[in-house]
């Protein structure tokens, strides 16, 4: 059994989603800079915006 830290399983899922979006934004932006592609840079920026908004709105 895991110890109870006051968070629900849905809290962990949202946190994992936010981290996944942040990592995706980092990778997409890095590839966009490397390939000089505005589409990849824009996609990375939107992923980062989504991750930040998710963290701001959903505070367990």
N, C-alpha and C. Protein backbone atom coordinates (compact mmCIF):
# COMPACT_ATOMS: atom_id res chain seq x y z
N UNK A 1 0.83 -1.18 0.00
CA UNK A 1 0.00 0.00 0.00
C UNK A 1 0.88 1.25 0.00
N UNK A 2 0.39 2.24 -0.67
CA UNK A 2 1.14 3.51 -0.68
C UNK A 2 0.65 4.39 0.46
N UNK A 3 1.53 5.21 0.92
CA UNK A 3 1.15 6.09 2.02
C UNK A 3 0.22 7.18 1.50
N UNK A 4 -0.65 7.65 2.34
CA UNK A 4 -1.61 8.68 1.97
C UNK A 4 -0.97 10.05 2.13
N UNK A 5 -0.84 10.77 1.02
CA UNK A 5 -0.23 12.09 1.10
C UNK A 5 -1.26 13.21 0.90
N UNK A 6 -2.52 12.89 0.98
CA UNK A 6 -3.56 13.91 0.88
C UNK A 6 -4.01 14.21 -0.53
N UNK A 7 -3.48 13.49 -1.49
CA UNK A 7 -3.87 13.73 -2.88
C UNK A 7 -4.64 12.54 -3.43
N UNK A 8 -5.57 12.82 -4.27
CA UNK A 8 -6.37 11.79 -4.90
C UNK A 8 -5.67 11.28 -6.16
N UNK A 9 -6.07 10.11 -6.65
CA UNK A 9 -5.45 9.60 -7.89
C UNK A 9 -5.64 10.55 -9.07
N UNK A 10 -6.75 11.26 -9.12
CA UNK A 10 -6.96 12.19 -10.22
C UNK A 10 -5.96 13.35 -10.15
N UNK A 11 -5.52 13.72 -8.94
CA UNK A 11 -4.51 14.76 -8.79
C UNK A 11 -3.19 14.32 -9.42
N UNK A 12 -2.86 13.06 -9.23
CA UNK A 12 -1.62 12.54 -9.80
C UNK A 12 -1.70 12.48 -11.33
N UNK A 13 -2.88 12.15 -11.85
CA UNK A 13 -3.06 12.10 -13.31
C UNK A 13 -2.91 13.48 -13.93
N UNK A 14 -3.47 14.50 -13.30
CA UNK A 14 -3.36 15.86 -13.82
C UNK A 14 -1.92 16.33 -13.75
N UNK A 15 -1.24 16.01 -12.67
CA UNK A 15 0.17 16.38 -12.54
C UNK A 15 1.01 15.70 -13.61
N UNK A 16 0.74 14.42 -13.86
CA UNK A 16 1.47 13.68 -14.89
C UNK A 16 1.20 14.26 -16.28
N UNK A 17 -0.06 14.66 -16.53
CA UNK A 17 -0.41 15.27 -17.81
C UNK A 17 0.32 16.61 -17.99
N UNK A 18 0.38 17.39 -16.94
CA UNK A 18 1.06 18.67 -17.01
C UNK A 18 2.56 18.49 -17.29
N UNK A 19 3.18 17.53 -16.63
CA UNK A 19 4.59 17.26 -16.87
C UNK A 19 4.84 16.73 -18.28
N UNK A 20 3.92 15.92 -18.77
CA UNK A 20 4.03 15.40 -20.13
C UNK A 20 3.93 16.53 -21.15
N UNK A 21 3.00 17.45 -20.92
CA UNK A 21 2.88 18.60 -21.82
C UNK A 21 4.15 19.46 -21.79
N UNK A 22 4.72 19.64 -20.60
CA UNK A 22 5.93 20.44 -20.49
C UNK A 22 7.10 19.77 -21.21
N UNK A 23 7.25 18.47 -21.03
CA UNK A 23 8.33 17.76 -21.71
C UNK A 23 8.13 17.77 -23.23
N UNK A 24 6.88 17.59 -23.65
CA UNK A 24 6.58 17.66 -25.08
C UNK A 24 6.88 19.03 -25.66
N UNK A 25 6.55 20.07 -24.90
CA UNK A 25 6.84 21.43 -25.35
C UNK A 25 8.33 21.66 -25.46
N UNK A 26 9.09 21.15 -24.51
CA UNK A 26 10.54 21.31 -24.55
C UNK A 26 11.15 20.61 -25.76
N UNK A 27 10.74 19.38 -25.99
CA UNK A 27 11.28 18.63 -27.13
C UNK A 27 10.86 19.23 -28.46
N UNK A 28 9.58 19.60 -28.57
CA UNK A 28 9.08 20.17 -29.82
C UNK A 28 9.75 21.50 -30.12
N UNK A 29 9.93 22.32 -29.11
CA UNK A 29 10.59 23.62 -29.32
C UNK A 29 12.06 23.44 -29.70
N UNK A 30 12.73 22.50 -29.06
CA UNK A 30 14.13 22.25 -29.40
C UNK A 30 14.28 21.76 -30.83
N UNK A 31 13.41 20.86 -31.24
CA UNK A 31 13.46 20.37 -32.63
C UNK A 31 13.11 21.50 -33.59
N UNK A 32 12.14 22.33 -33.21
CA UNK A 32 11.76 23.47 -34.05
C UNK A 32 12.90 24.46 -34.23
N UNK A 33 13.65 24.70 -33.16
CA UNK A 33 14.82 25.59 -33.28
C UNK A 33 15.91 24.97 -34.13
N UNK A 34 16.11 23.67 -33.96
CA UNK A 34 17.15 22.99 -34.72
C UNK A 34 16.83 22.98 -36.22
N UNK A 35 15.57 22.67 -36.55
CA UNK A 35 15.18 22.59 -37.96
C UNK A 35 14.73 23.93 -38.52
N UNK A 36 14.70 24.97 -37.70
CA UNK A 36 14.24 26.30 -38.11
C UNK A 36 12.82 26.23 -38.66
N UNK A 37 11.95 25.57 -37.91
CA UNK A 37 10.56 25.37 -38.33
C UNK A 37 9.62 26.12 -37.40
N UNK A 38 8.90 27.08 -37.96
CA UNK A 38 7.96 27.87 -37.16
C UNK A 38 6.78 27.02 -36.69
N UNK A 39 6.39 26.01 -37.47
CA UNK A 39 5.26 25.17 -37.06
C UNK A 39 5.58 24.41 -35.78
N UNK A 40 6.78 23.88 -35.70
CA UNK A 40 7.17 23.15 -34.50
C UNK A 40 7.35 24.09 -33.31
N UNK A 41 7.89 25.28 -33.55
CA UNK A 41 8.02 26.26 -32.47
C UNK A 41 6.65 26.67 -31.94
N UNK A 42 5.72 26.90 -32.84
CA UNK A 42 4.36 27.29 -32.42
C UNK A 42 3.68 26.16 -31.66
N UNK A 43 3.86 24.95 -32.12
CA UNK A 43 3.29 23.79 -31.43
C UNK A 43 3.87 23.66 -30.02
N UNK A 44 5.17 23.84 -29.90
CA UNK A 44 5.81 23.79 -28.59
C UNK A 44 5.32 24.90 -27.67
N UNK A 45 5.12 26.08 -28.24
CA UNK A 45 4.62 27.20 -27.44
C UNK A 45 3.20 26.93 -26.93
N UNK A 46 2.35 26.38 -27.77
CA UNK A 46 0.99 26.07 -27.34
C UNK A 46 0.96 24.96 -26.30
N UNK A 47 1.84 24.00 -26.42
CA UNK A 47 1.92 22.95 -25.41
C UNK A 47 2.37 23.53 -24.07
N UNK A 48 3.31 24.43 -24.11
CA UNK A 48 3.77 25.08 -22.89
C UNK A 48 2.66 25.92 -22.26
N UNK A 49 1.91 26.64 -23.08
CA UNK A 49 0.78 27.43 -22.58
C UNK A 49 -0.25 26.52 -21.93
N UNK A 50 -0.54 25.38 -22.56
CA UNK A 50 -1.51 24.45 -22.00
C UNK A 50 -1.03 23.88 -20.67
N UNK A 51 0.26 23.57 -20.56
CA UNK A 51 0.80 23.03 -19.32
C UNK A 51 0.72 24.06 -18.19
N UNK A 52 1.06 25.31 -18.50
CA UNK A 52 1.01 26.36 -17.48
C UNK A 52 -0.43 26.63 -17.06
N UNK A 53 -1.35 26.70 -18.01
CA UNK A 53 -2.76 26.93 -17.66
C UNK A 53 -3.32 25.78 -16.83
N UNK A 54 -2.95 24.57 -17.16
CA UNK A 54 -3.41 23.42 -16.40
C UNK A 54 -2.92 23.50 -14.96
N UNK A 55 -1.67 23.89 -14.77
CA UNK A 55 -1.13 24.02 -13.42
C UNK A 55 -1.80 25.18 -12.66
N UNK A 56 -2.10 26.26 -13.37
CA UNK A 56 -2.71 27.42 -12.71
C UNK A 56 -4.16 27.14 -12.31
N UNK A 57 -4.90 26.47 -13.17
CA UNK A 57 -6.32 26.24 -12.93
C UNK A 57 -6.53 25.09 -11.95
N UNK A 58 -5.79 24.02 -12.13
CA UNK A 58 -6.01 22.83 -11.30
C UNK A 58 -4.96 22.78 -10.22
N UNK A 59 -5.24 23.32 -9.08
CA UNK A 59 -4.35 23.29 -7.94
C UNK A 59 -4.94 22.41 -6.85
N UNK A 60 -4.38 21.20 -6.65
CA UNK A 60 -4.93 20.33 -5.62
C UNK A 60 -4.63 20.82 -4.21
